């Protein structure tokens, strides 16, 4: 969402135009990030169902460690702070694990034999 600063009457029109252009690009990137995250979560939901069907644990620490190392390297090559990339991935992974736990609980409740 692009917001305007108040009290910018003395700013040159060219600077305002450049600011608006940059903010439009940021807005487009934010939209793309949201759509990419939505697609990622669609995939992780399918992973969660697969894990639940095969009674695999919701978390996979070895995979998570591989992903962190991979993302940190990607961040470095993209000149993005690797610590930030790791925090961002950890936030996503925590949410994915939460979803997988919920799927496993729902799957267990649906497939557990009835007791008397």
PDB file of N, CA and C in Angstrom:
ATOM      1  N   UNK A   1       0.851  -1.173   0.000  1.00  0.00           N
ATOM      2  CA  UNK A   1       0.000   0.000   0.000  1.00  0.00           C
ATOM      3  C   UNK A   1       0.890   1.227   0.000  1.00  0.00           C
ATOM      4  N   UNK A   2       0.684   2.070  -0.974  1.00  0.00           N
ATOM      5  CA  UNK A   2       1.466   3.290  -1.064  1.00  0.00           C
ATOM      6  C   UNK A   2       0.834   4.354  -0.184  1.00  0.00           C
ATOM      7  N   UNK A   3       1.675   4.983   0.620  1.00  0.00           N
ATOM      8  CA  UNK A   3       1.188   6.075   1.465  1.00  0.00           C
ATOM      9  C   UNK A   3       1.952   7.329   1.083  1.00  0.00           C
ATOM     10  N   UNK A   4       1.349   8.444   1.327  1.00  0.00           N
ATOM     11  CA  UNK A   4       2.038   9.699   1.024  1.00  0.00           C
ATOM     12  C   UNK A   4       2.493  10.335   2.320  1.00  0.00           C
ATOM     13  N   UNK A   5       3.568  11.061   2.204  1.00  0.00           N
ATOM     14  CA  UNK A   5       4.065  11.815   3.359  1.00  0.00           C
ATOM     15  C   UNK A   5       3.335  13.141   3.402  1.00  0.00           C
ATOM     16  N   UNK A   6       3.084  13.619   4.585  1.00  0.00           N
ATOM     17  CA  UNK A   6       2.477  14.941   4.705  1.00  0.00           C
ATOM     18  C   UNK A   6       3.582  15.957   4.844  1.00  0.00           C
ATOM     19  N   UNK A   7       3.305  17.183   4.458  1.00  0.00           N
ATOM     20  CA  UNK A   7       4.290  18.238   4.596  1.00  0.00           C
ATOM     21  C   UNK A   7       5.412  18.153   3.585  1.00  0.00           C
ATOM     22  N   UNK A   8       5.148  17.614   2.387  1.00  0.00           N
ATOM     23  CA  UNK A   8       6.201  17.474   1.383  1.00  0.00           C
ATOM     24  C   UNK A   8       6.054  18.506   0.274  1.00  0.00           C
ATOM     25  N   UNK A   9       5.433  19.628   0.567  1.00  0.00           N
ATOM     26  CA  UNK A   9       5.197  20.651  -0.442  1.00  0.00           C
ATOM     27  C   UNK A   9       6.470  21.174  -1.084  1.00  0.00           C
ATOM     28  N   UNK A  10       7.603  21.153  -0.389  1.00  0.00           N
ATOM     29  CA  UNK A  10       8.848  21.698  -0.924  1.00  0.00           C
ATOM     30  C   UNK A  10       9.617  20.674  -1.768  1.00  0.00           C
ATOM     31  N   UNK A  11       9.115  19.451  -1.874  1.00  0.00           N
ATOM     32  CA  UNK A  11       9.815  18.416  -2.623  1.00  0.00           C
ATOM     33  C   UNK A  11       9.629  18.654  -4.116  1.00  0.00           C
ATOM     34  N   UNK A  12      10.702  18.515  -4.852  1.00  0.00           N
ATOM     35  CA  UNK A  12      10.660  18.722  -6.294  1.00  0.00           C
ATOM     36  C   UNK A  12       9.733  17.696  -6.941  1.00  0.00           C
ATOM     37  N   UNK A  13       9.026  18.099  -8.000  1.00  0.00           N
ATOM     38  CA  UNK A  13       8.125  17.170  -8.693  1.00  0.00           C
ATOM     39  C   UNK A  13       8.845  15.908  -9.185  1.00  0.00           C
ATOM     40  N   UNK A  14      10.067  16.028  -9.641  1.00  0.00           N
ATOM     41  CA  UNK A  14      10.805  14.847 -10.122  1.00  0.00           C
ATOM     42  C   UNK A  14      11.042  13.852  -8.988  1.00  0.00           C
ATOM     43  N   UNK A  15      11.327  14.371  -7.793  1.00  0.00           N
ATOM     44  CA  UNK A  15      11.536  13.493  -6.638  1.00  0.00           C
ATOM     45  C   UNK A  15      10.231  12.804  -6.257  1.00  0.00           C
ATOM     46  N   UNK A  16       9.122  13.533  -6.302  1.00  0.00           N
ATOM     47  CA  UNK A  16       7.813  12.930  -6.006  1.00  0.00           C
ATOM     48  C   UNK A  16       7.479  11.836  -7.013  1.00  0.00           C
ATOM     49  N   UNK A  17       7.763  12.100  -8.285  1.00  0.00           N
ATOM     50  CA  UNK A  17       7.490  11.105  -9.324  1.00  0.00           C
ATOM     51  C   UNK A  17       8.330   9.853  -9.118  1.00  0.00           C
ATOM     52  N   UNK A  18       9.606  10.048  -8.804  1.00  0.00           N
ATOM     53  CA  UNK A  18      10.487   8.906  -8.553  1.00  0.00           C
ATOM     54  C   UNK A  18      10.025   8.117  -7.332  1.00  0.00           C
ATOM     55  N   UNK A  19       9.630   8.827  -6.274  1.00  0.00           N
ATOM     56  CA  UNK A  19       9.118   8.170  -5.075  1.00  0.00           C
ATOM     57  C   UNK A  19       7.862   7.362  -5.411  1.00  0.00           C
ATOM     58  N   UNK A  20       6.963   7.944  -6.177  1.00  0.00           N
ATOM     59  CA  UNK A  20       5.732   7.238  -6.565  1.00  0.00           C
ATOM     60  C   UNK A  20       6.061   6.008  -7.408  1.00  0.00           C
ATOM     61  N   UNK A  21       7.012   6.145  -8.339  1.00  0.00           N
ATOM     62  CA  UNK A  21       7.400   5.012  -9.187  1.00  0.00           C
ATOM     63  C   UNK A  21       8.001   3.886  -8.343  1.00  0.00           C
ATOM     64  N   UNK A  22       8.874   4.240  -7.422  1.00  0.00           N
ATOM     65  CA  UNK A  22       9.485   3.225  -6.559  1.00  0.00           C
ATOM     66  C   UNK A  22       8.444   2.551  -5.669  1.00  0.00           C
ATOM     67  N   UNK A  23       7.528   3.339  -5.135  1.00  0.00           N
ATOM     68  CA  UNK A  23       6.479   2.760  -4.284  1.00  0.00           C
ATOM     69  C   UNK A  23       5.556   1.852  -5.089  1.00  0.00           C
ATOM     70  N   UNK A  24       5.283   2.210  -6.335  1.00  0.00           N
ATOM     71  CA  UNK A  24       4.479   1.329  -7.192  1.00  0.00           C
ATOM     72  C   UNK A  24       5.193  -0.011  -7.390  1.00  0.00           C
ATOM     73  N   UNK A  25       6.505   0.042  -7.594  1.00  0.00           N
ATOM     74  CA  UNK A  25       7.276  -1.194  -7.744  1.00  0.00           C
ATOM     75  C   UNK A  25       7.238  -2.020  -6.463  1.00  0.00           C
ATOM     76  N   UNK A  26       7.384  -1.347  -5.334  1.00  0.00           N
ATOM     77  CA  UNK A  26       7.307  -2.050  -4.043  1.00  0.00           C
ATOM     78  C   UNK A  26       5.941  -2.701  -3.880  1.00  0.00           C
ATOM     79  N   UNK A  27       4.885  -1.989  -4.228  1.00  0.00           N
ATOM     80  CA  UNK A  27       3.535  -2.552  -4.132  1.00  0.00           C
ATOM     81  C   UNK A  27       3.393  -3.795  -5.013  1.00  0.00           C
ATOM     82  N   UNK A  28       3.953  -3.749  -6.214  1.00  0.00           N
ATOM     83  CA  UNK A  28       3.897  -4.902  -7.118  1.00  0.00           C
ATOM     84  C   UNK A  28       4.677  -6.082  -6.550  1.00  0.00           C
ATOM     85  N   UNK A  29       5.841  -5.795  -5.996  1.00  0.00           N
ATOM     86  CA  UNK A  29       6.651  -6.861  -5.392  1.00  0.00           C
ATOM     87  C   UNK A  29       5.918  -7.465  -4.201  1.00  0.00           C
ATOM     88  N   UNK A  30       5.304  -6.629  -3.368  1.00  0.00           N
ATOM     89  CA  UNK A  30       4.540  -7.137  -2.218  1.00  0.00           C
ATOM     90  C   UNK A  30       3.418  -8.054  -2.682  1.00  0.00           C
ATOM     91  N   UNK A  31       2.733  -7.669  -3.745  1.00  0.00           N
ATOM     92  CA  UNK A  31       1.656  -8.507  -4.278  1.00  0.00           C
ATOM     93  C   UNK A  31       2.215  -9.840  -4.760  1.00  0.00           C
ATOM     94  N   UNK A  32       3.339  -9.814  -5.446  1.00  0.00           N
ATOM     95  CA  UNK A  32       3.953 -11.053  -5.925  1.00  0.00           C
ATOM     96  C   UNK A  32       4.372 -11.942  -4.756  1.00  0.00           C
ATOM     97  N   UNK A  33       4.941 -11.341  -3.713  1.00  0.00           N
ATOM     98  CA  UNK A  33       5.347 -12.116  -2.529  1.00  0.00           C
ATOM     99  C   UNK A  33       4.135 -12.806  -1.904  1.00  0.00           C
ATOM    100  N   UNK A  34       3.037 -12.092  -1.778  1.00  0.00           N
ATOM    101  CA  UNK A  34       1.824 -12.678  -1.185  1.00  0.00           C
ATOM    102  C   UNK A  34       1.340 -13.857  -2.035  1.00  0.00           C
ATOM    103  N   UNK A  35       1.323 -13.678  -3.341  1.00  0.00           N
ATOM    104  CA  UNK A  35       0.871 -14.766  -4.218  1.00  0.00           C
ATOM    105  C   UNK A  35       1.829 -15.954  -4.177  1.00  0.00           C
ATOM    106  N   UNK A  36       3.113 -15.681  -4.102  1.00  0.00           N
ATOM    107  CA  UNK A  36       4.090 -16.765  -4.009  1.00  0.00           C
ATOM    108  C   UNK A  36       3.960 -17.505  -2.682  1.00  0.00           C
ATOM    109  N   UNK A  37       3.741 -16.775  -1.605  1.00  0.00           N
ATOM    110  CA  UNK A  37       3.530 -17.433  -0.311  1.00  0.00           C
ATOM    111  C   UNK A  37       2.261 -18.278  -0.323  1.00  0.00           C
ATOM    112  N   UNK A  38       1.215 -17.772  -0.958  1.00  0.00           N
ATOM    113  CA  UNK A  38      -0.027 -18.553  -1.054  1.00  0.00           C
ATOM    114  C   UNK A  38       0.226 -19.860  -1.799  1.00  0.00           C
ATOM    115  N   UNK A  39       0.970 -19.792  -2.884  1.00  0.00           N
ATOM    116  CA  UNK A  39       1.289 -21.004  -3.654  1.00  0.00           C
ATOM    117  C   UNK A  39       2.156 -21.952  -2.829  1.00  0.00           C
ATOM    118  N   UNK A  40       3.108 -21.385  -2.090  1.00  0.00           N
ATOM    119  CA  UNK A  40       3.972 -22.212  -1.237  1.00  0.00           C
ATOM    120  C   UNK A  40       3.140 -22.943  -0.192  1.00  0.00           C
ATOM    121  N   UNK A  41       2.189 -22.232   0.416  1.00  0.00           N
ATOM    122  CA  UNK A  41       1.368 -22.868   1.449  1.00  0.00           C
ATOM    123  C   UNK A  41       0.417 -23.906   0.864  1.00  0.00           C
ATOM    124  N   UNK A  42      -0.007 -23.741  -0.382  1.00  0.00           N
ATOM    125  CA  UNK A  42      -0.794 -24.798  -1.027  1.00  0.00           C
ATOM    126  C   UNK A  42       0.035 -26.077  -1.106  1.00  0.00           C
ATOM    127  N   UNK A  43       1.298 -25.934  -1.491  1.00  0.00           N
ATOM    128  CA  UNK A  43       2.186 -27.100  -1.577  1.00  0.00           C
ATOM    129  C   UNK A  43       2.442 -27.707  -0.206  1.00  0.00           C
ATOM    130  N   UNK A  44       2.702 -26.864   0.787  1.00  0.00           N
ATOM    131  CA  UNK A  44       2.995 -27.407   2.110  1.00  0.00           C
ATOM    132  C   UNK A  44       1.756 -28.057   2.726  1.00  0.00           C
ATOM    133  N   UNK A  45       0.573 -27.596   2.358  1.00  0.00           N
ATOM    134  CA  UNK A  45      -0.648 -28.260   2.835  1.00  0.00           C
ATOM    135  C   UNK A  45      -0.706 -29.681   2.265  1.00  0.00           C
ATOM    136  N   UNK A  46      -0.358 -29.830   0.986  1.00  0.00           N
ATOM    137  CA  UNK A  46      -0.343 -31.169   0.385  1.00  0.00           C
ATOM    138  C   UNK A  46       0.705 -32.043   1.061  1.00  0.00           C
ATOM    139  N   UNK A  47       1.863 -31.446   1.383  1.00  0.00           N
ATOM    140  CA  UNK A  47       2.896 -32.184   2.117  1.00  0.00           C
ATOM    141  C   UNK A  47       2.336 -32.631   3.471  1.00  0.00           C
ATOM    142  N   UNK A  48       1.632 -31.743   4.153  1.00  0.00           N
ATOM    143  CA  UNK A  48       1.042 -32.079   5.448  1.00  0.00           C
ATOM    144  C   UNK A  48       0.079 -33.252   5.366  1.00  0.00           C
ATOM    145  N   UNK A  49      -0.752 -33.270   4.331  1.00  0.00           N
ATOM    146  CA  UNK A  49      -1.685 -34.392   4.158  1.00  0.00           C
ATOM    147  C   UNK A  49      -0.941 -35.683   3.854  1.00  0.00           C
ATOM    148  N   UNK A  50       0.094 -35.591   3.037  1.00  0.00           N
ATOM    149  CA  UNK A  50       0.901 -36.777   2.730  1.00  0.00           C
ATOM    150  C   UNK A  50       1.574 -37.304   3.992  1.00  0.00           C
ATOM    151  N   UNK A  51       2.150 -36.409   4.775  1.00  0.00           N
ATOM    152  CA  UNK A  51       2.785 -36.822   6.032  1.00  0.00           C
ATOM    153  C   UNK A  51       1.769 -37.462   6.972  1.00  0.00           C
ATOM    154  N   UNK A  52       0.588 -36.876   7.068  1.00  0.00           N
ATOM    155  CA  UNK A  52      -0.433 -37.419   7.973  1.00  0.00           C
ATOM    156  C   UNK A  52      -0.866 -38.813   7.525  1.00  0.00           C
ATOM    157  N   UNK A  53      -1.067 -38.981   6.222  1.00  0.00           N
ATOM    158  CA  UNK A  53      -1.482 -40.300   5.718  1.00  0.00           C
ATOM    159  C   UNK A  53      -0.448 -41.373   6.017  1.00  0.00           C
ATOM    160  N   UNK A  54       0.820 -40.990   5.978  1.00  0.00           N
ATOM    161  CA  UNK A  54       1.892 -41.965   6.196  1.00  0.00           C
ATOM    162  C   UNK A  54       2.477 -41.887   7.600  1.00  0.00           C
ATOM    163  N   UNK A  55       1.778 -41.149   8.465  1.00  0.00           N
ATOM    164  CA  UNK A  55       2.159 -41.014   9.869  1.00  0.00           C
ATOM    165  C   UNK A  55       3.609 -40.543  10.044  1.00  0.00           C
ATOM    166  N   UNK A  56       3.981 -39.581   9.223  1.00  0.00           N
ATOM    167  CA  UNK A  56       5.299 -38.958   9.346  1.00  0.00           C
ATOM    168  C   UNK A  56       5.179 -37.761  10.283  1.00  0.00           C
ATOM    169  N   UNK A  57       6.242 -37.415  10.974  1.00  0.00           N
ATOM    170  CA  UNK A  57       6.168 -36.282  11.905  1.00  0.00           C
ATOM    171  C   UNK A  57       5.965 -34.964  11.156  1.00  0.00           C
ATOM    172  N   UNK A  58       5.266 -34.019  11.785  1.00  0.00           N
ATOM    173  CA  UNK A  58       5.017 -32.718  11.145  1.00  0.00           C
ATOM    174  C   UNK A  58       6.297 -31.938  10.847  1.00  0.00           C
ATOM    175  N   UNK A  59       7.299 -32.075  11.703  1.00  0.00           N
ATOM    176  CA  UNK A  59       8.557 -31.346  11.524  1.00  0.00           C
ATOM    177  C   UNK A  59       9.628 -32.285  10.987  1.00  0.00           C
ATOM    178  N   UNK A  60      10.537 -31.719  10.202  1.00  0.00           N
ATOM    179  CA  UNK A  60      11.673 -32.466   9.664  1.00  0.00           C
ATOM    180  C   UNK A  60      12.922 -31.612   9.881  1.00  0.00           C
ATOM    181  N   UNK A  61      13.531 -31.716  11.068  1.00  0.00           N
ATOM    182  CA  UNK A  61      14.665 -30.846  11.399  1.00  0.00           C
ATOM    183  C   UNK A  61      15.817 -30.908  10.391  1.00  0.00           C
ATOM    184  N   UNK A  62      16.083 -32.072   9.829  1.00  0.00           N
ATOM    185  CA  UNK A  62      17.173 -32.179   8.850  1.00  0.00           C
ATOM    186  C   UNK A  62      16.846 -31.368   7.602  1.00  0.00           C
ATOM    187  N   UNK A  63      15.628 -31.479   7.111  1.00  0.00           N
ATOM    188  CA  UNK A  63      15.195 -30.701   5.944  1.00  0.00           C
ATOM    189  C   UNK A  63      15.233 -29.210   6.264  1.00  0.00           C
ATOM    190  N   UNK A  64      14.768 -28.845   7.443  1.00  0.00           N
ATOM    191  CA  UNK A  64      14.766 -27.432   7.833  1.00  0.00           C
ATOM    192  C   UNK A  64      16.182 -26.875   7.864  1.00  0.00           C
ATOM    193  N   UNK A  65      17.136 -27.645   8.378  1.00  0.00           N
ATOM    194  CA  UNK A  65      18.529 -27.196   8.426  1.00  0.00           C
ATOM    195  C   UNK A  65      19.087 -27.025   7.017  1.00  0.00           C
ATOM    196  N   UNK A  66      18.748 -27.956   6.119  1.00  0.00           N
ATOM    197  CA  UNK A  66      19.182 -27.835   4.719  1.00  0.00           C
ATOM    198  C   UNK A  66      18.605 -26.577   4.083  1.00  0.00           C
ATOM    199  N   UNK A  67      17.334 -26.327   4.340  1.00  0.00           N
ATOM    200  CA  UNK A  67      16.679 -25.155   3.757  1.00  0.00           C
ATOM    201  C   UNK A  67      17.283 -23.854   4.291  1.00  0.00           C
ATOM    202  N   UNK A  68      17.589 -23.830   5.576  1.00  0.00           N
ATOM    203  CA  UNK A  68      18.194 -22.630   6.155  1.00  0.00           C
ATOM    204  C   UNK A  68      19.546 -22.362   5.502  1.00  0.00           C
ATOM    205  N   UNK A  69      20.361 -23.402   5.367  1.00  0.00           N
ATOM    206  CA  UNK A  69      21.672 -23.229   4.736  1.00  0.00           C
ATOM    207  C   UNK A  69      21.512 -22.759   3.293  1.00  0.00           C
ATOM    208  N   UNK A  70      20.578 -23.362   2.574  1.00  0.00           N
ATOM    209  CA  UNK A  70      20.335 -22.994   1.174  1.00  0.00           C
ATOM    210  C   UNK A  70      19.862 -21.545   1.069  1.00  0.00           C
ATOM    211  N   UNK A  71      18.912 -21.163   1.932  1.00  0.00           N
ATOM    212  CA  UNK A  71      18.377 -19.798   1.883  1.00  0.00           C
ATOM    213  C   UNK A  71      19.409 -18.766   2.298  1.00  0.00           C
ATOM    214  N   UNK A  72      20.248 -19.103   3.264  1.00  0.00           N
ATOM    215  CA  UNK A  72      21.308 -18.166   3.669  1.00  0.00           C
ATOM    216  C   UNK A  72      22.273 -17.925   2.511  1.00  0.00           C
ATOM    217  N   UNK A  73      22.623 -18.990   1.788  1.00  0.00           N
ATOM    218  CA  UNK A  73      23.519 -18.843   0.632  1.00  0.00           C
ATOM    219  C   UNK A  73      22.861 -18.014  -0.459  1.00  0.00           C
ATOM    220  N   UNK A  74      21.581 -18.279  -0.719  1.00  0.00           N
ATOM    221  CA  UNK A  74      20.852 -17.483  -1.712  1.00  0.00           C
ATOM    222  C   UNK A  74      20.801 -16.020  -1.305  1.00  0.00           C
ATOM    223  N   UNK A  75      20.560 -15.785  -0.029  1.00  0.00           N
ATOM    224  CA  UNK A  75      20.493 -14.411   0.468  1.00  0.00           C
ATOM    225  C   UNK A  75      21.828 -13.701   0.266  1.00  0.00           C
ATOM    226  N   UNK A  76      22.900 -14.385   0.616  1.00  0.00           N
ATOM    227  CA  UNK A  76      24.223 -13.770   0.438  1.00  0.00           C
ATOM    228  C   UNK A  76      24.466 -13.415  -1.020  1.00  0.00           C
ATOM    229  N   UNK A  77      24.143 -14.329  -1.942  1.00  0.00           N
ATOM    230  CA  UNK A  77      24.384 -14.053  -3.361  1.00  0.00           C
ATOM    231  C   UNK A  77      23.471 -12.941  -3.873  1.00  0.00           C
ATOM    232  N   UNK A  78      22.322 -12.756  -3.240  1.00  0.00           N
ATOM    233  CA  UNK A  78      21.390 -11.692  -3.629  1.00  0.00           C
ATOM    234  C   UNK A  78      21.653 -10.397  -2.865  1.00  0.00           C
ATOM    235  N   UNK A  79      22.690 -10.393  -2.038  1.00  0.00           N
ATOM    236  CA  UNK A  79      23.032  -9.231  -1.212  1.00  0.00           C
ATOM    237  C   UNK A  79      21.905  -8.855  -0.240  1.00  0.00           C
ATOM    238  N   UNK A  80      21.288  -9.909   0.301  1.00  0.00           N
ATOM    239  CA  UNK A  80      20.265  -9.758   1.340  1.00  0.00           C
ATOM    240  C   UNK A  80      20.871 -10.298   2.632  1.00  0.00           C
ATOM    241  N   UNK A  81      20.573  -9.683   3.735  1.00  0.00           N
ATOM    242  CA  UNK A  81      21.098 -10.120   5.028  1.00  0.00           C
ATOM    243  C   UNK A  81      20.694 -11.579   5.286  1.00  0.00           C
ATOM    244  N   UNK A  82      21.655 -12.502   5.369  1.00  0.00           N
ATOM    245  CA  UNK A  82      21.331 -13.910   5.602  1.00  0.00           C
ATOM    246  C   UNK A  82      20.577 -14.147   6.904  1.00  0.00           C
ATOM    247  N   UNK A  83      20.868 -13.356   7.939  1.00  0.00           N
ATOM    248  CA  UNK A  83      20.153 -13.509   9.208  1.00  0.00           C
ATOM    249  C   UNK A  83      18.678 -13.172   9.027  1.00  0.00           C
ATOM    250  N   UNK A  84      18.386 -12.146   8.230  1.00  0.00           N
ATOM    251  CA  UNK A  84      16.998 -11.804   7.939  1.00  0.00           C
ATOM    252  C   UNK A  84      16.330 -12.939   7.181  1.00  0.00           C
ATOM    253  N   UNK A  85      16.999 -13.481   6.172  1.00  0.00           N
ATOM    254  CA  UNK A  85      16.430 -14.587   5.393  1.00  0.00           C
ATOM    255  C   UNK A  85      16.138 -15.788   6.291  1.00  0.00           C
ATOM    256  N   UNK A  86      17.043 -16.056   7.220  1.00  0.00           N
ATOM    257  CA  UNK A  86      16.840 -17.176   8.136  1.00  0.00           C
ATOM    258  C   UNK A  86      15.637 -16.928   9.051  1.00  0.00           C
ATOM    259  N   UNK A  87      15.523 -15.725   9.581  1.00  0.00           N
ATOM    260  CA  UNK A  87      14.373 -15.394  10.435  1.00  0.00           C
ATOM    261  C   UNK A  87      13.071 -15.538   9.663  1.00  0.00           C
ATOM    262  N   UNK A  88      13.078 -15.060   8.435  1.00  0.00           N
ATOM    263  CA  UNK A  88      11.882 -15.135   7.589  1.00  0.00           C
ATOM    264  C   UNK A  88      11.508 -16.594   7.339  1.00  0.00           C
ATOM    265  N   UNK A  89      12.494 -17.423   6.987  1.00  0.00           N
ATOM    266  CA  UNK A  89      12.222 -18.840   6.752  1.00  0.00           C
ATOM    267  C   UNK A  89      11.752 -19.517   8.035  1.00  0.00           C
ATOM    268  N   UNK A  90      12.375 -19.207   9.168  1.00  0.00           N
ATOM    269  CA  UNK A  90      11.951 -19.816  10.433  1.00  0.00           C
ATOM    270  C   UNK A  90      10.502 -19.473  10.753  1.00  0.00           C
ATOM    271  N   UNK A  91      10.100 -18.245  10.456  1.00  0.00           N
ATOM    272  CA  UNK A  91       8.711 -17.840  10.673  1.00  0.00           C
ATOM    273  C   UNK A  91       7.773 -18.682   9.796  1.00  0.00           C
ATOM    274  N   UNK A  92       8.131 -18.843   8.533  1.00  0.00           N
ATOM    275  CA  UNK A  92       7.309 -19.633   7.612  1.00  0.00           C
ATOM    276  C   UNK A  92       7.262 -21.087   8.048  1.00  0.00           C
ATOM    277  N   UNK A  93       8.417 -21.653   8.378  1.00  0.00           N
ATOM    278  CA  UNK A  93       8.484 -23.059   8.774  1.00  0.00           C
ATOM    279  C   UNK A  93       7.652 -23.305  10.033  1.00  0.00           C
ATOM    280  N   UNK A  94       7.701 -22.405  10.990  1.00  0.00           N
ATOM    281  CA  UNK A  94       6.897 -22.563  12.214  1.00  0.00           C
ATOM    282  C   UNK A  94       5.414 -22.623  11.868  1.00  0.00           C
ATOM    283  N   UNK A  95       4.983 -21.783  10.947  1.00  0.00           N
ATOM    284  CA  UNK A  95       3.572 -21.797  10.530  1.00  0.00           C
ATOM    285  C   UNK A  95       3.231 -23.089   9.796  1.00  0.00           C
ATOM    286  N   UNK A  96       4.140 -23.551   8.947  1.00  0.00           N
ATOM    287  CA  UNK A  96       3.924 -24.810   8.218  1.00  0.00           C
ATOM    288  C   UNK A  96       3.809 -25.971   9.201  1.00  0.00           C
ATOM    289  N   UNK A  97       4.690 -26.030  10.181  1.00  0.00           N
ATOM    290  CA  UNK A  97       4.637 -27.112  11.176  1.00  0.00           C
ATOM    291  C   UNK A  97       3.321 -27.066  11.931  1.00  0.00           C
ATOM    292  N   UNK A  98       2.879 -25.861  12.283  1.00  0.00           N
ATOM    293  CA  UNK A  98       1.584 -25.712  12.953  1.00  0.00           C
ATOM    294  C   UNK A  98       0.471 -26.289  12.074  1.00  0.00           C
ATOM    295  N   UNK A  99       0.491 -25.962  10.792  1.00  0.00           N
ATOM    296  CA  UNK A  99      -0.515 -26.510   9.866  1.00  0.00           C
ATOM    297  C   UNK A  99      -0.418 -28.032   9.808  1.00  0.00           C
ATOM    298  N   UNK A 100       0.799 -28.552   9.724  1.00  0.00           N
ATOM    299  CA  UNK A 100       0.976 -30.001   9.639  1.00  0.00           C
ATOM    300  C   UNK A 100       0.485 -30.697  10.909  1.00  0.00           C
ATOM    301  N   UNK A 101       0.709 -30.079  12.052  1.00  0.00           N
ATOM    302  CA  UNK A 101       0.206 -30.665  13.306  1.00  0.00           C
ATOM    303  C   UNK A 101      -1.313 -30.714  13.299  1.00  0.00           C
ATOM    304  N   UNK A 102      -1.919 -29.630  12.827  1.00  0.00           N
ATOM    305  CA  UNK A 102      -3.387 -29.598  12.751  1.00  0.00           C
ATOM    306  C   UNK A 102      -3.919 -30.653  11.782  1.00  0.00           C
ATOM    307  N   UNK A 103      -3.266 -30.790  10.642  1.00  0.00           N
ATOM    308  CA  UNK A 103      -3.677 -31.799   9.652  1.00  0.00           C
ATOM    309  C   UNK A 103      -3.542 -33.187  10.253  1.00  0.00           C
ATOM    310  N   UNK A 104      -2.430 -33.446  10.954  1.00  0.00           N
ATOM    311  CA  UNK A 104      -2.223 -34.755  11.572  1.00  0.00           C
ATOM    312  C   UNK A 104      -3.287 -35.042  12.617  1.00  0.00           C
ATOM    313  N   UNK A 105      -3.630 -34.023  13.417  1.00  0.00           N
ATOM    314  CA  UNK A 105      -4.684 -34.207  14.422  1.00  0.00           C
ATOM    315  C   UNK A 105      -6.018 -34.513  13.752  1.00  0.00           C
ATOM    316  N   UNK A 106      -6.350 -33.761  12.708  1.00  0.00           N
ATOM    317  CA  UNK A 106      -7.602 -33.990  11.992  1.00  0.00           C
ATOM    318  C   UNK A 106      -7.603 -35.362  11.340  1.00  0.00           C
ATOM    319  N   UNK A 107      -6.481 -35.760  10.784  1.00  0.00           N
ATOM    320  CA  UNK A 107      -6.373 -37.052  10.125  1.00  0.00           C
ATOM    321  C   UNK A 107      -6.483 -38.169  11.148  1.00  0.00           C
ATOM    322  N   UNK A 108      -5.830 -37.986  12.292  1.00  0.00           N
ATOM    323  CA  UNK A 108      -5.886 -39.006  13.345  1.00  0.00           C
ATOM    324  C   UNK A 108      -7.289 -39.163  13.900  1.00  0.00           C
ATOM    325  N   UNK A 109      -7.989 -38.031  14.039  1.00  0.00           N
ATOM    326  CA  UNK A 109      -9.367 -38.079  14.545  1.00  0.00           C
ATOM    327  C   UNK A 109     -10.272 -38.759  13.531  1.00  0.00           C
ATOM    328  N   UNK A 110      -9.994 -38.560  12.250  1.00  0.00           N
ATOM    329  CA  UNK A 110     -10.858 -39.128  11.215  1.00  0.00           C
ATOM    330  C   UNK A 110     -10.584 -40.593  10.972  1.00  0.00           C
ATOM    331  N   UNK A 111      -9.323 -41.042  11.232  1.00  0.00           N
ATOM    332  CA  UNK A 111      -8.974 -42.427  10.912  1.00  0.00           C
ATOM    333  C   UNK A 111      -8.851 -43.314  12.146  1.00  0.00           C
ATOM    334  N   UNK A 112      -8.940 -42.721  13.327  1.00  0.00           N
ATOM    335  CA  UNK A 112      -8.800 -43.531  14.544  1.00  0.00           C
ATOM    336  C   UNK A 112     -10.015 -44.448  14.685  1.00  0.00           C
ATOM    337  N   UNK A 113      -9.764 -45.679  15.090  1.00  0.00           N
ATOM    338  CA  UNK A 113     -10.903 -46.600  15.271  1.00  0.00           C
ATOM    339  C   UNK A 113     -11.796 -46.122  16.424  1.00  0.00           C
ATOM    340  N   UNK A 114     -13.059 -46.314  16.262  1.00  0.00           N
ATOM    341  CA  UNK A 114     -14.007 -45.919  17.302  1.00  0.00           C
ATOM    342  C   UNK A 114     -13.791 -46.773  18.532  1.00  0.00           C
ATOM    343  N   UNK A 115     -13.878 -46.169  19.691  1.00  0.00           N
ATOM    344  CA  UNK A 115     -13.724 -46.938  20.938  1.00  0.00           C
ATOM    345  C   UNK A 115     -15.071 -46.989  21.642  1.00  0.00           C
ATOM    346  N   UNK A 116     -15.259 -48.027  22.390  1.00  0.00           N
ATOM    347  CA  UNK A 116     -16.522 -48.194  23.123  1.00  0.00           C
ATOM    348  C   UNK A 116     -16.494 -47.561  24.459  1.00  0.00           C
TER     349      UNK A 116
END
